[in-house]
Amino acid sequence: MVDAVSSVGQTAAQSGTKRLAESFDTFLNLLTTQLKNQDPLSPLDSNQFTQQLVQMTGVEQQLYGNQLMEKLVANTGSGISTAVALIGRDVKAGTSENAIKDGKATWNFNLNRAADDLKLEVIDSKGRTVYSEAPADMRAGDHTFKWNGKDASGKQLDDGGPYSLRVTAKDSAGTGVISKVSIQGVVTGVEQVDGKTLITINGAKIPWETVTSINEAAPTNTANNNDNKPTPDEAAA
């Protein structure tokens, strides 16, 4: 129901914005023509077209407000409400973006066929390659890349990001091998930024719609390993 209302609202707002732009262009053309051909002894009243400009600006602001409302309705109906349900779940997302957490970051990638040349590069937010390596395992299928969070010089980078993984794979003929990168982890947060719903996985903020699989998070065993061991008195008994 929300999707249907949102769709209708978007159509109306887009149509209204288009008509306003056309009307404004027409108004400016008419105003320019009037100014060029006005009677010097009886000039146009500037208050009239000033009021018209103010009215058009008001309409434009109203349409802009409607568009923001449409985004809110759409996100509330299908985005953030769905994403909130992912909190605490272990998910897999089809994205190359990740972040360093506790000094490390992990990516998964899949090769659709075996490669003869494989290069992995970690790219920072400015597009710079901070680390690269050439794995020996180039078989077709799923692979895991665990990065220790250190750059090419061995310096440990701070937690955070974003960082992305670039996979370059080629066969013996130099033809590119198709690869798909993903990350996996427990969702710890949900937020909206510029109308987009983002979820937090391993400290990285990614679009919720990139999620490809959802599982129950593995239980965390906080019990001490010695808790189940008998005390000296119990053993003696």
Foldseek 3Di string as FASTA:
>chain_A
DLVVVLVVLVVVLVVLVVVLVVVVVVLVVVVVVCQVPPDPVDHDDPVVVVVVVVVSVVSVVVSVVSVVVSLVSVCVVPNQVVVVVQAQWKFKFQFQKDWQAPQKFKKKKFWQAFFPWKKKFKAFPVRDTFDMDTDPDRGGTMDMDIGRCAGPVRHRDDTATTIGMDMFTHHPVRHTIDMTMMGIAGWHDWDDDPSFIWTAGSRDTDGPVRTDDIGRDDDDDPDDPCPPPDDPVVVVD
